[in-house]
Amino acid sequence: MTPSVRVLRWHYIAAAALVGHCAATSLNAGAWWYGTGLFIASLLFLVALARDITAANQICKTARAEAVRIERAARTRDWQARDRAALADWDPWLCCVPAFTSRGAEHDTTRCTRKDQAA
């Protein structure tokens, strides 16, 4: 949040308080039309403050979501690069996928040809 936004928000609050005070003074003096109008104006300042805060929160959520999307895309690219590097480093002596993923510790007995075992 920039300093100008903070100042604007404080001005909304101050204006609402001042106009609310004027509304109360007008109502006490018997000018209920002016008091009612000033009270409504005071509420409009508060509505403007609420809309400003809501819009700022929505912008922050959108920016956060975009940052998360970019980070996830970068992580996916990293994982794909690691997978490609692992496949490039695949040793031809491994005989099946479980042997590849467990670095030779496990074998798929239904498909394994046990090419890694010495004869």
C-alpha atoms as a PDB file:
ATOM      1  CA  MET A   1       0.000   0.000   0.000  1.00  0.00           C
ATOM      2  CA  THR A   2       1.454   3.327  -1.037  1.00  0.00           C
ATOM      3  CA  PRO A   3       1.601   6.348   1.280  1.00  0.00           C
ATOM      4  CA  SER A   4      -0.885   8.245  -0.883  1.00  0.00           C
ATOM      5  CA  VAL A   5      -3.442   5.444  -0.444  1.00  0.00           C
ATOM      6  CA  ARG A   6      -2.953   5.559   3.328  1.00  0.00           C
ATOM      7  CA  VAL A   7      -3.446   9.331   3.330  1.00  0.00           C
ATOM      8  CA  LEU A   8      -6.586   9.004   1.216  1.00  0.00           C
ATOM      9  CA  ARG A   9      -8.013   6.404   3.577  1.00  0.00           C
ATOM     10  CA  TRP A  10      -7.344   8.602   6.602  1.00  0.00           C
ATOM     11  CA  HIS A  11      -9.026  11.492   4.768  1.00  0.00           C
ATOM     12  CA  TYR A  12     -12.097   9.318   4.171  1.00  0.00           C
ATOM     13  CA  ILE A  13     -12.271   8.560   7.900  1.00  0.00           C
ATOM     14  CA  ALA A  14     -11.695  12.185   8.917  1.00  0.00           C
ATOM     15  CA  ALA A  15     -14.287  13.468   6.430  1.00  0.00           C
ATOM     16  CA  ALA A  16     -16.829  10.895   7.608  1.00  0.00           C
ATOM     17  CA  ALA A  17     -16.231  11.897  11.233  1.00  0.00           C
ATOM     18  CA  LEU A  18     -16.469  15.628  10.472  1.00  0.00           C
ATOM     19  CA  VAL A  19     -19.621  15.305   8.387  1.00  0.00           C
ATOM     20  CA  GLY A  20     -21.093  12.975  11.030  1.00  0.00           C
ATOM     21  CA  HIS A  21     -20.397  15.604  13.695  1.00  0.00           C
ATOM     22  CA  CYS A  22     -22.076  18.244  11.518  1.00  0.00           C
ATOM     23  CA  ALA A  23     -25.052  15.903  11.086  1.00  0.00           C
ATOM     24  CA  ALA A  24     -25.354  15.421  14.850  1.00  0.00           C
ATOM     25  CA  THR A  25     -25.103  19.180  15.443  1.00  0.00           C
ATOM     26  CA  SER A  26     -27.755  19.853  12.795  1.00  0.00           C
ATOM     27  CA  LEU A  27     -30.090  17.267  14.307  1.00  0.00           C
ATOM     28  CA  ASN A  28     -29.632  18.772  17.775  1.00  0.00           C
ATOM     29  CA  ALA A  29     -30.389  22.241  16.401  1.00  0.00           C
ATOM     30  CA  GLY A  30     -33.639  20.964  14.907  1.00  0.00           C
ATOM     31  CA  ALA A  31     -32.611  21.002  11.230  1.00  0.00           C
ATOM     32  CA  TRP A  32     -33.454  17.381  10.627  1.00  0.00           C
ATOM     33  CA  TRP A  33     -33.304  17.704   6.796  1.00  0.00           C
ATOM     34  CA  TYR A  34     -29.717  18.913   6.947  1.00  0.00           C
ATOM     35  CA  GLY A  35     -28.849  16.380   9.609  1.00  0.00           C
ATOM     36  CA  THR A  36     -30.253  13.508   7.580  1.00  0.00           C
ATOM     37  CA  GLY A  37     -28.471  14.674   4.417  1.00  0.00           C
ATOM     38  CA  LEU A  38     -25.161  15.066   6.230  1.00  0.00           C
ATOM     39  CA  PHE A  39     -25.597  11.667   7.868  1.00  0.00           C
ATOM     40  CA  ILE A  40     -26.103  10.086   4.426  1.00  0.00           C
ATOM     41  CA  ALA A  41     -23.014  11.949   3.141  1.00  0.00           C
ATOM     42  CA  SER A  42     -21.046  10.582   6.094  1.00  0.00           C
ATOM     43  CA  LEU A  43     -22.153   7.060   5.199  1.00  0.00           C
ATOM     44  CA  LEU A  44     -21.057   7.644   1.596  1.00  0.00           C
ATOM     45  CA  PHE A  45     -17.546   8.440   2.807  1.00  0.00           C
ATOM     46  CA  LEU A  46     -17.506   5.167   4.728  1.00  0.00           C
ATOM     47  CA  VAL A  47     -18.804   3.270   1.686  1.00  0.00           C
ATOM     48  CA  ALA A  48     -16.012   4.820  -0.408  1.00  0.00           C
ATOM     49  CA  LEU A  49     -13.482   3.679   2.195  1.00  0.00           C
ATOM     50  CA  ALA A  50     -14.880   0.144   2.175  1.00  0.00           C
ATOM     51  CA  ARG A  51     -14.829  -0.001  -1.640  1.00  0.00           C
ATOM     52  CA  ASP A  52     -11.242   1.240  -1.694  1.00  0.00           C
ATOM     53  CA  ILE A  53     -10.151  -1.415   0.784  1.00  0.00           C
ATOM     54  CA  THR A  54     -12.056  -4.143  -1.093  1.00  0.00           C
ATOM     55  CA  ALA A  55     -10.522  -3.123  -4.430  1.00  0.00           C
ATOM     56  CA  ALA A  56      -7.028  -3.083  -2.917  1.00  0.00           C
ATOM     57  CA  ASN A  57      -7.570  -6.544  -1.414  1.00  0.00           C
ATOM     58  CA  GLN A  58      -8.758  -7.872  -4.775  1.00  0.00           C
ATOM     59  CA  ILE A  59      -5.667  -6.453  -6.497  1.00  0.00           C
ATOM     60  CA  CYS A  60      -3.453  -8.075  -3.855  1.00  0.00           C
ATOM     61  CA  LYS A  61      -5.205 -11.436  -4.269  1.00  0.00           C
ATOM     62  CA  THR A  62      -4.820 -11.259  -8.039  1.00  0.00           C
ATOM     63  CA  ALA A  63      -1.141 -10.376  -7.766  1.00  0.00           C
ATOM     64  CA  ARG A  64      -0.578 -13.180  -5.251  1.00  0.00           C
ATOM     65  CA  ALA A  65      -2.354 -15.700  -7.480  1.00  0.00           C
ATOM     66  CA  GLU A  66      -0.256 -14.623 -10.467  1.00  0.00           C
ATOM     67  CA  ALA A  67       2.936 -14.971  -8.431  1.00  0.00           C
ATOM     68  CA  VAL A  68       1.911 -18.472  -7.332  1.00  0.00           C
ATOM     69  CA  ARG A  69       1.095 -19.425 -10.937  1.00  0.00           C
ATOM     70  CA  ILE A  70       4.489 -18.191 -12.131  1.00  0.00           C
ATOM     71  CA  GLU A  71       6.274 -20.036  -9.312  1.00  0.00           C
ATOM     72  CA  ARG A  72       4.426 -23.278 -10.057  1.00  0.00           C
ATOM     73  CA  ALA A  73       5.241 -22.978 -13.751  1.00  0.00           C
ATOM     74  CA  ALA A  74       8.906 -22.469 -12.904  1.00  0.00           C
ATOM     75  CA  ARG A  75       8.859 -25.480 -10.570  1.00  0.00           C
ATOM     76  CA  THR A  76       7.222 -27.606 -13.264  1.00  0.00           C
ATOM     77  CA  ARG A  77       9.925 -26.592 -15.720  1.00  0.00           C
ATOM     78  CA  ASP A  78      12.566 -27.499 -13.114  1.00  0.00           C
ATOM     79  CA  TRP A  79      10.975 -30.894 -12.517  1.00  0.00           C
ATOM     80  CA  GLN A  80      10.757 -31.577 -16.233  1.00  0.00           C
ATOM     81  CA  ALA A  81      14.409 -30.609 -16.651  1.00  0.00           C
ATOM     82  CA  ARG A  82      15.383 -32.927 -13.777  1.00  0.00           C
ATOM     83  CA  ASP A  83      13.360 -35.771 -15.288  1.00  0.00           C
ATOM     84  CA  ARG A  84      15.014 -35.242 -18.659  1.00  0.00           C
ATOM     85  CA  ALA A  85      18.436 -35.205 -17.001  1.00  0.00           C
ATOM     86  CA  ALA A  86      17.588 -38.414 -15.114  1.00  0.00           C
ATOM     87  CA  LEU A  87      16.496 -40.116 -18.310  1.00  0.00           C
ATOM     88  CA  ALA A  88      19.641 -38.904 -20.066  1.00  0.00           C
ATOM     89  CA  ASP A  89      21.714 -40.420 -17.262  1.00  0.00           C
ATOM     90  CA  TRP A  90      19.749 -43.682 -17.407  1.00  0.00           C
ATOM     91  CA  ASP A  91      22.078 -46.606 -17.242  1.00  0.00           C
ATOM     92  CA  PRO A  92      21.429 -49.155 -19.973  1.00  0.00           C
ATOM     93  CA  TRP A  93      22.264 -51.990 -17.578  1.00  0.00           C
ATOM     94  CA  LEU A  94      19.001 -51.448 -15.666  1.00  0.00           C
ATOM     95  CA  CYS A  95      16.406 -53.911 -16.910  1.00  0.00           C
ATOM     96  CA  CYS A  96      13.014 -52.495 -15.837  1.00  0.00           C
ATOM     97  CA  VAL A  97      11.308 -49.314 -14.604  1.00  0.00           C
ATOM     98  CA  PRO A  98      11.296 -50.265 -10.897  1.00  0.00           C
ATOM     99  CA  ALA A  99      14.990 -51.019 -11.249  1.00  0.00           C
ATOM    100  CA  PHE A 100      15.459 -47.556 -12.746  1.00  0.00           C
ATOM    101  CA  THR A 101      13.457 -45.756 -10.065  1.00  0.00           C
ATOM    102  CA  SER A 102      15.046 -47.659  -7.172  1.00  0.00           C
ATOM    103  CA  ARG A 103      18.561 -47.554  -8.692  1.00  0.00           C
ATOM    104  CA  GLY A 104      18.675 -51.302  -9.126  1.00  0.00           C
ATOM    105  CA  ALA A 105      17.297 -52.294  -5.717  1.00  0.00           C
ATOM    106  CA  GLU A 106      13.862 -53.494  -6.931  1.00  0.00           C
ATOM    107  CA  HIS A 107      12.758 -55.418  -9.992  1.00  0.00           C
ATOM    108  CA  ASP A 108       9.395 -56.086 -11.662  1.00  0.00           C
ATOM    109  CA  THR A 109       9.472 -59.877 -11.609  1.00  0.00           C
ATOM    110  CA  THR A 110       6.785 -60.232 -14.293  1.00  0.00           C
ATOM    111  CA  ARG A 111       8.685 -58.216 -16.886  1.00  0.00           C
ATOM    112  CA  CYS A 112      12.230 -58.106 -15.595  1.00  0.00           C
ATOM    113  CA  THR A 113      14.815 -59.828 -17.741  1.00  0.00           C
ATOM    114  CA  ARG A 114      17.486 -59.331 -15.078  1.00  0.00           C
ATOM    115  CA  LYS A 115      19.932 -57.984 -17.632  1.00  0.00           C
ATOM    116  CA  ASP A 116      21.753 -56.267 -14.774  1.00  0.00           C
ATOM    117  CA  GLN A 117      22.685 -59.555 -13.136  1.00  0.00           C
ATOM    118  CA  ALA A 118      25.982 -61.155 -14.068  1.00  0.00           C
ATOM    119  CA  ALA A 119      25.666 -64.498 -15.756  1.00  0.00           C
END
